[in-house]
PDB file of N, CA and C in Angstrom:
ATOM      1  N   MET A   1      96.268 133.547 110.163  1.00  0.00           N
ATOM      2  CA  MET A   1      95.198 133.178 111.527  1.00  0.00           C
ATOM      3  C   MET A   1      94.822 131.802 110.366  1.00  0.00           C
ATOM      4  N   ALA A   2      95.019 130.620 111.590  1.00  0.00           N
ATOM      5  CA  ALA A   2      95.127 129.188 111.433  1.00  0.00           C
ATOM      6  C   ALA A   2      93.018 129.017 111.372  1.00  0.00           C
ATOM      7  N   LYS A   3      92.605 127.787 110.492  1.00  0.00           N
ATOM      8  CA  LYS A   3      91.665 127.335 110.668  1.00  0.00           C
ATOM      9  C   LYS A   3      91.766 126.937 111.590  1.00  0.00           C
ATOM     10  N   LYS A   4      90.167 126.770 111.956  1.00  0.00           N
ATOM     11  CA  LYS A   4      90.008 125.687 113.764  1.00  0.00           C
ATOM     12  C   LYS A   4      89.388 124.918 113.178  1.00  0.00           C
ATOM     13  N   SER A   5      89.926 123.461 113.849  1.00  0.00           N
ATOM     14  CA  SER A   5      89.403 122.286 113.556  1.00  0.00           C
ATOM     15  C   SER A   5      87.801 121.690 113.566  1.00  0.00           C
ATOM     16  N   ARG A   6      87.515 120.548 112.834  1.00  0.00           N
ATOM     17  CA  ARG A   6      86.213 120.272 113.130  1.00  0.00           C
ATOM     18  C   ARG A   6      85.456 120.218 114.798  1.00  0.00           C
ATOM     19  N   ARG A   7      86.654 119.441 115.669  1.00  0.00           N
ATOM     20  CA  ARG A   7      86.612 118.497 116.871  1.00  0.00           C
ATOM     21  C   ARG A   7      86.785 120.403 117.624  1.00  0.00           C
ATOM     22  N   ALA A   8      87.596 121.732 117.203  1.00  0.00           N
ATOM     23  CA  ALA A   8      87.218 122.376 117.906  1.00  0.00           C
ATOM     24  C   ALA A   8      85.632 122.981 118.153  1.00  0.00           C
ATOM     25  N   ARG A   9      84.953 123.397 116.923  1.00  0.00           N
ATOM     26  CA  ARG A   9      84.258 124.346 116.023  1.00  0.00           C
ATOM     27  C   ARG A   9      83.438 122.761 117.621  1.00  0.00           C
ATOM     28  N   ARG A  10      83.399 121.395 117.319  1.00  0.00           N
ATOM     29  CA  ARG A  10      82.356 120.283 118.101  1.00  0.00           C
ATOM     30  C   ARG A  10      82.469 120.751 119.291  1.00  0.00           C
ATOM     31  N   ARG A  11      83.639 120.668 119.808  1.00  0.00           N
ATOM     32  CA  ARG A  11      83.578 121.059 121.406  1.00  0.00           C
ATOM     33  C   ARG A  11      82.696 122.891 121.893  1.00  0.00           C
ATOM     34  N   ARG A  12      82.842 123.407 121.465  1.00  0.00           N
ATOM     35  CA  ARG A  12      82.894 124.753 121.155  1.00  0.00           C
ATOM     36  C   ARG A  12      81.386 124.572 120.970  1.00  0.00           C
ATOM     37  N   ALA A  13      80.283 123.871 120.247  1.00  0.00           N
ATOM     38  CA  ALA A  13      78.861 123.741 119.962  1.00  0.00           C
ATOM     39  C   ALA A  13      78.017 123.102 120.505  1.00  0.00           C
ATOM     40  N   THR A  14      78.802 121.980 121.804  1.00  0.00           N
ATOM     41  CA  THR A  14      78.448 121.736 122.839  1.00  0.00           C
ATOM     42  C   THR A  14      78.040 121.768 123.980  1.00  0.00           C
ATOM     43  N   ARG A  15      79.420 122.659 124.196  1.00  0.00           N
ATOM     44  CA  ARG A  15      79.396 123.851 125.089  1.00  0.00           C
ATOM     45  C   ARG A  15      78.389 124.527 126.359  1.00  0.00           C
ATOM     46  N   GLY A  16      77.636 125.022 124.692  1.00  0.00           N
ATOM     47  CA  GLY A  16      75.866 125.340 125.543  1.00  0.00           C
ATOM     48  C   GLY A  16      75.243 124.483 125.127  1.00  0.00           C
ATOM     49  N   ALA A  17      75.030 123.404 124.430  1.00  0.00           N
ATOM     50  CA  ALA A  17      73.648 122.946 124.234  1.00  0.00           C
ATOM     51  C   ALA A  17      72.998 122.557 125.624  1.00  0.00           C
ATOM     52  N   VAL A  18      71.247 122.267 125.120  1.00  0.00           N
ATOM     53  CA  VAL A  18      70.858 122.236 126.093  1.00  0.00           C
ATOM     54  C   VAL A  18      70.720 120.945 127.063  1.00  0.00           C
ATOM     55  N   LYS A  19      70.567 120.028 128.156  1.00  0.00           N
ATOM     56  CA  LYS A  19      71.115 119.016 128.294  1.00  0.00           C
ATOM     57  C   LYS A  19      70.240 118.027 129.926  1.00  0.00           C
ATOM     58  N   GLY A  20      68.598 117.569 129.332  1.00  0.00           N
ATOM     59  CA  GLY A  20      68.258 116.841 130.015  1.00  0.00           C
ATOM     60  C   GLY A  20      67.364 118.368 130.887  1.00  0.00           C
ATOM     61  N   GLY A  21      66.797 118.911 129.643  1.00  0.00           N
ATOM     62  CA  GLY A  21      65.576 119.833 129.476  1.00  0.00           C
ATOM     63  C   GLY A  21      66.523 121.482 130.407  1.00  0.00           C
ATOM     64  N   THR A  22      67.655 121.133 131.359  1.00  0.00           N
ATOM     65  CA  THR A  22      68.325 122.413 131.234  1.00  0.00           C
ATOM     66  C   THR A  22      69.273 122.979 130.469  1.00  0.00           C
ATOM     67  N   VAL A  23      69.184 124.922 130.656  1.00  0.00           N
ATOM     68  CA  VAL A  23      69.994 124.996 129.688  1.00  0.00           C
ATOM     69  C   VAL A  23      71.508 125.607 130.786  1.00  0.00           C
ATOM     70  N   SER A  24      72.698 124.840 130.567  1.00  0.00           N
ATOM     71  CA  SER A  24      74.184 124.993 131.069  1.00  0.00           C
ATOM     72  C   SER A  24      74.751 125.878 130.909  1.00  0.00           C
ATOM     73  N   LYS A  25      75.190 126.604 132.313  1.00  0.00           N
ATOM     74  CA  LYS A  25      75.633 127.748 132.572  1.00  0.00           C
ATOM     75  C   LYS A  25      76.820 127.586 131.730  1.00  0.00           C
ATOM     76  N   PRO A  26      77.200 129.331 131.682  1.00  0.00           N
ATOM     77  CA  PRO A  26      78.749 129.539 130.703  1.00  0.00           C
ATOM     78  C   PRO A  26      80.108 128.968 131.738  1.00  0.00           C
ATOM     79  N   GLY A  27      79.682 128.702 132.825  1.00  0.00           N
ATOM     80  CA  GLY A  27      80.868 128.144 133.933  1.00  0.00           C
ATOM     81  C   GLY A  27      80.372 126.536 133.683  1.00  0.00           C
ATOM     82  N   ASP A  28      79.391 125.990 133.210  1.00  0.00           N
ATOM     83  CA  ASP A  28      79.809 124.730 133.505  1.00  0.00           C
ATOM     84  C   ASP A  28      80.140 123.550 132.167  1.00  0.00           C
ATOM     85  N   ARG A  29      80.399 122.948 132.451  1.00  0.00           N
ATOM     86  CA  ARG A  29      81.743 122.203 131.730  1.00  0.00           C
ATOM     87  C   ARG A  29      81.181 120.920 131.352  1.00  0.00           C
ATOM     88  N   THR A  30      79.886 120.469 131.500  1.00  0.00           N
ATOM     89  CA  THR A  30      78.960 119.154 131.290  1.00  0.00           C
ATOM     90  C   THR A  30      79.734 118.567 129.935  1.00  0.00           C
ATOM     91  N   GLU A  31      80.202 117.689 129.717  1.00  0.00           N
ATOM     92  CA  GLU A  31      80.019 116.458 128.264  1.00  0.00           C
ATOM     93  C   GLU A  31      78.439 116.459 128.223  1.00  0.00           C
ATOM     94  N   VAL A  32      78.519 116.375 126.399  1.00  0.00           N
ATOM     95  CA  VAL A  32      77.231 116.239 125.852  1.00  0.00           C
ATOM     96  C   VAL A  32      77.072 114.697 125.109  1.00  0.00           C
ATOM     97  N   GLU A  33      76.678 113.947 125.713  1.00  0.00           N
ATOM     98  CA  GLU A  33      76.637 113.184 124.501  1.00  0.00           C
ATOM     99  C   GLU A  33      76.541 112.959 123.031  1.00  0.00           C
ATOM    100  N   VAL A  34      77.248 112.864 121.722  1.00  0.00           N
ATOM    101  CA  VAL A  34      76.517 113.315 120.562  1.00  0.00           C
ATOM    102  C   VAL A  34      76.350 112.002 120.113  1.00  0.00           C
ATOM    103  N   ALA A  35      75.213 111.679 119.648  1.00  0.00           N
ATOM    104  CA  ALA A  35      74.176 110.200 119.230  1.00  0.00           C
ATOM    105  C   ALA A  35      75.268 109.825 117.447  1.00  0.00           C
ATOM    106  N   ALA A  36      76.019 109.411 117.358  1.00  0.00           N
ATOM    107  CA  ALA A  36      76.294 109.012 116.034  1.00  0.00           C
ATOM    108  C   ALA A  36      75.353 108.359 114.665  1.00  0.00           C
ATOM    109  N   GLY A  37      75.609 108.660 114.321  1.00  0.00           N
ATOM    110  CA  GLY A  37      74.734 107.042 113.254  1.00  0.00           C
ATOM    111  C   GLY A  37      74.751 106.457 113.389  1.00  0.00           C
ATOM    112  N   PRO A  38      74.120 105.313 112.306  1.00  0.00           N
ATOM    113  CA  PRO A  38      74.569 103.870 112.010  1.00  0.00           C
ATOM    114  C   PRO A  38      75.974 104.089 111.450  1.00  0.00           C
ATOM    115  N   ARG A  39      76.689 103.203 111.420  1.00  0.00           N
ATOM    116  CA  ARG A  39      77.749 102.486 110.813  1.00  0.00           C
ATOM    117  C   ARG A  39      77.605 101.329 109.919  1.00  0.00           C
ATOM    118  N   PRO A  40      78.048 102.376 108.148  1.00  0.00           N
ATOM    119  CA  PRO A  40      77.938 101.503 107.460  1.00  0.00           C
ATOM    120  C   PRO A  40      79.195 100.299 107.811  1.00  0.00           C
ATOM    121  N   ALA A  41      78.427  98.996 107.424  1.00  0.00           N
ATOM    122  CA  ALA A  41      79.531  98.017 107.471  1.00  0.00           C
ATOM    123  C   ALA A  41      80.732  98.299 106.219  1.00  0.00           C
ATOM    124  N   THR A  42      81.599  97.535 106.471  1.00  0.00           N
ATOM    125  CA  THR A  42      82.496  98.518 105.375  1.00  0.00           C
ATOM    126  C   THR A  42      83.739  97.451 105.873  1.00  0.00           C
ATOM    127  N   SER A  43      83.999  97.292 104.882  1.00  0.00           N
ATOM    128  CA  SER A  43      85.835  96.323 104.131  1.00  0.00           C
ATOM    129  C   SER A  43      86.407  96.795 104.333  1.00  0.00           C
ATOM    130  N   GLY A  44      87.940  95.976 104.011  1.00  0.00           N
ATOM    131  CA  GLY A  44      89.166  96.924 104.034  1.00  0.00           C
ATOM    132  C   GLY A  44      89.054  97.895 102.600  1.00  0.00           C
ATOM    133  N   PHE A  45      90.523  98.168 102.764  1.00  0.00           N
ATOM    134  CA  PHE A  45      90.308  99.168 101.491  1.00  0.00           C
ATOM    135  C   PHE A  45      90.840  98.628 100.393  1.00  0.00           C
ATOM    136  N   THR A  46      91.811  97.833 100.669  1.00  0.00           N
ATOM    137  CA  THR A  46      92.234  96.382  99.649  1.00  0.00           C
ATOM    138  C   THR A  46      91.442  96.221  98.910  1.00  0.00           C
ATOM    139  N   GLU A  47      90.201  95.267  99.421  1.00  0.00           N
ATOM    140  CA  GLU A  47      89.150  95.031  98.869  1.00  0.00           C
ATOM    141  C   GLU A  47      87.900  95.856  98.137  1.00  0.00           C
ATOM    142  N   GLN A  48      88.058  97.566  98.656  1.00  0.00           N
ATOM    143  CA  GLN A  48      87.132  98.226  98.281  1.00  0.00           C
ATOM    144  C   GLN A  48      87.818  98.798  96.956  1.00  0.00           C
ATOM    145  N   TYR A  49      89.572  99.478  96.915  1.00  0.00           N
ATOM    146  CA  TYR A  49      90.252  99.936  95.688  1.00  0.00           C
ATOM    147  C   TYR A  49      90.917  98.477  95.518  1.00  0.00           C
ATOM    148  N   ALA A  50      90.683  98.227  95.327  1.00  0.00           N
ATOM    149  CA  ALA A  50      91.685  97.243  94.521  1.00  0.00           C
ATOM    150  C   ALA A  50      91.986  97.537  93.072  1.00  0.00           C
ATOM    151  N   TYR A  51      90.583  97.987  92.363  1.00  0.00           N
ATOM    152  CA  TYR A  51      90.603  98.796  90.766  1.00  0.00           C
ATOM    153  C   TYR A  51      91.706  99.574  90.420  1.00  0.00           C
ATOM    154  N   VAL A  52      91.702 100.307  91.835  1.00  0.00           N
ATOM    155  CA  VAL A  52      92.504 102.171  92.013  1.00  0.00           C
ATOM    156  C   VAL A  52      93.990 100.781  91.835  1.00  0.00           C
ATOM    157  N   TYR A  53      94.466 100.445  92.280  1.00  0.00           N
ATOM    158  CA  TYR A  53      95.811 100.251  92.537  1.00  0.00           C
ATOM    159  C   TYR A  53      96.280  99.345  91.293  1.00  0.00           C
ATOM    160  N   ASP A  54      95.301  98.916  90.836  1.00  0.00           N
ATOM    161  CA  ASP A  54      95.735  98.390  89.055  1.00  0.00           C
ATOM    162  C   ASP A  54      95.590  99.119  87.955  1.00  0.00           C
ATOM    163  N   ASP A  55      94.833 100.598  87.585  1.00  0.00           N
ATOM    164  CA  ASP A  55      94.939 101.601  87.100  1.00  0.00           C
ATOM    165  C   ASP A  55      96.051 102.232  87.519  1.00  0.00           C
ATOM    166  N   LEU A  56      96.630 102.516  88.583  1.00  0.00           N
ATOM    167  CA  LEU A  56      97.698 103.337  89.137  1.00  0.00           C
ATOM    168  C   LEU A  56      99.042 102.668  88.929  1.00  0.00           C
ATOM    169  N   LYS A  57      99.177 101.209  88.784  1.00  0.00           N
ATOM    170  CA  LYS A  57     100.500 100.406  88.323  1.00  0.00           C
ATOM    171  C   LYS A  57     100.137 100.877  87.055  1.00  0.00           C
ATOM    172  N   ARG A  58      99.471 100.471  86.112  1.00  0.00           N
ATOM    173  CA  ARG A  58      98.696 100.615  84.769  1.00  0.00           C
ATOM    174  C   ARG A  58      99.630 101.716  83.963  1.00  0.00           C
ATOM    175  N   ILE A  59      98.832 102.720  84.969  1.00  0.00           N
ATOM    176  CA  ILE A  59      99.693 104.845  84.458  1.00  0.00           C
ATOM    177  C   ILE A  59     101.162 104.620  84.754  1.00  0.00           C
ATOM    178  N   ALA A  60     101.137 104.275  86.332  1.00  0.00           N
ATOM    179  CA  ALA A  60     103.229 103.799  86.484  1.00  0.00           C
ATOM    180  C   ALA A  60     103.733 103.622  84.821  1.00  0.00           C
ATOM    181  N   ILE A  61     103.611 102.629  84.551  1.00  0.00           N
ATOM    182  CA  ILE A  61     104.473 101.301  83.776  1.00  0.00           C
ATOM    183  C   ILE A  61     103.994 102.521  82.081  1.00  0.00           C
ATOM    184  N   LEU A  62     102.675 103.363  81.736  1.00  0.00           N
ATOM    185  CA  LEU A  62     103.181 103.620  80.586  1.00  0.00           C
ATOM    186  C   LEU A  62     103.528 104.916  80.688  1.00  0.00           C
ATOM    187  N   ALA A  63     103.797 105.672  81.743  1.00  0.00           N
ATOM    188  CA  ALA A  63     104.586 106.751  82.280  1.00  0.00           C
ATOM    189  C   ALA A  63     106.073 106.694  81.724  1.00  0.00           C
ATOM    190  N   GLY A  64     106.418 105.590  82.450  1.00  0.00           N
ATOM    191  CA  GLY A  64     108.214 105.355  82.446  1.00  0.00           C
ATOM    192  C   GLY A  64     108.091 104.643  81.180  1.00  0.00           C
ATOM    193  N   THR A  65     107.348 104.056  80.632  1.00  0.00           N
ATOM    194  CA  THR A  65     107.400 103.572  78.973  1.00  0.00           C
ATOM    195  C   THR A  65     107.731 104.741  77.812  1.00  0.00           C
ATOM    196  N   LEU A  66     106.334 105.671  78.888  1.00  0.00           N
ATOM    197  CA  LEU A  66     107.133 107.058  77.129  1.00  0.00           C
ATOM    198  C   LEU A  66     107.765 108.047  77.818  1.00  0.00           C
ATOM    199  N   PHE A  67     108.606 107.939  79.108  1.00  0.00           N
ATOM    200  CA  PHE A  67     109.653 108.828  79.613  1.00  0.00           C
ATOM    201  C   PHE A  67     110.414 107.980  79.345  1.00  0.00           C
ATOM    202  N   ALA A  68     110.326 106.401  78.858  1.00  0.00           N
ATOM    203  CA  ALA A  68     112.342 106.157  78.176  1.00  0.00           C
ATOM    204  C   ALA A  68     111.999 105.942  76.577  1.00  0.00           C
ATOM    205  N   VAL A  69     110.688 105.847  76.005  1.00  0.00           N
ATOM    206  CA  VAL A  69     110.817 106.469  74.503  1.00  0.00           C
ATOM    207  C   VAL A  69     111.520 108.130  74.019  1.00  0.00           C
ATOM    208  N   LEU A  70     111.101 109.029  75.466  1.00  0.00           N
ATOM    209  CA  LEU A  70     111.612 110.051  75.015  1.00  0.00           C
ATOM    210  C   LEU A  70     113.058 110.465  75.089  1.00  0.00           C
ATOM    211  N   ILE A  71     113.492 109.695  76.064  1.00  0.00           N
ATOM    212  CA  ILE A  71     114.929 109.531  76.790  1.00  0.00           C
ATOM    213  C   ILE A  71     115.930 109.279  74.584  1.00  0.00           C
ATOM    214  N   ALA A  72     115.347 108.276  74.716  1.00  0.00           N
ATOM    215  CA  ALA A  72     116.075 107.202  73.521  1.00  0.00           C
ATOM    216  C   ALA A  72     115.704 108.361  72.611  1.00  0.00           C
ATOM    217  N   LEU A  73     114.447 108.956  72.033  1.00  0.00           N
ATOM    218  CA  LEU A  73     114.454 109.402  70.655  1.00  0.00           C
ATOM    219  C   LEU A  73     115.612 110.947  70.892  1.00  0.00           C
ATOM    220  N   SER A  74     115.730 111.583  72.178  1.00  0.00           N
ATOM    221  CA  SER A  74     116.712 112.749  72.726  1.00  0.00           C
ATOM    222  C   SER A  74     117.990 112.293  72.223  1.00  0.00           C
ATOM    223  N   PHE A  75     118.777 110.879  71.970  1.00  0.00           N
ATOM    224  CA  PHE A  75     118.948 110.194  71.424  1.00  0.00           C
ATOM    225  C   PHE A  75     119.393 110.419  70.271  1.00  0.00           C
ATOM    226  N   LEU A  76     118.841 110.213  69.584  1.00  0.00           N
ATOM    227  CA  LEU A  76     118.661 110.083  68.525  1.00  0.00           C
ATOM    228  C   LEU A  76     118.670 111.377  67.771  1.00  0.00           C
ATOM    229  N   ILE A  77     118.278 112.865  67.699  1.00  0.00           N
ATOM    230  CA  ILE A  77     117.172 113.953  67.405  1.00  0.00           C
ATOM    231  C   ILE A  77     118.143 114.512  67.102  1.00  0.00           C
ATOM    232  N   GLN A  78     119.637 114.435  67.569  1.00  0.00           N
ATOM    233  CA  GLN A  78     120.885 115.818  67.820  1.00  0.00           C
ATOM    234  C   GLN A  78     121.017 115.965  66.701  1.00  0.00           C
TER     235      GLN A  78
END
């Protein structure tokens, strides 16, 4: 059985919510507006995670170099 998504859980939780002091009935399908908190000011991913790209590039270069050394050693040590 698959897990239910957060959206489905949120919809199920808002169906029985109280709106305007009255309790909604099971057959009543009124939409409840969920107040969102203040959004933090965000900039693009490239600005925030530029160091991650540099680190990944460094790791890829190092891995490629070590892989080439292993291949060269496999020919030398036969």
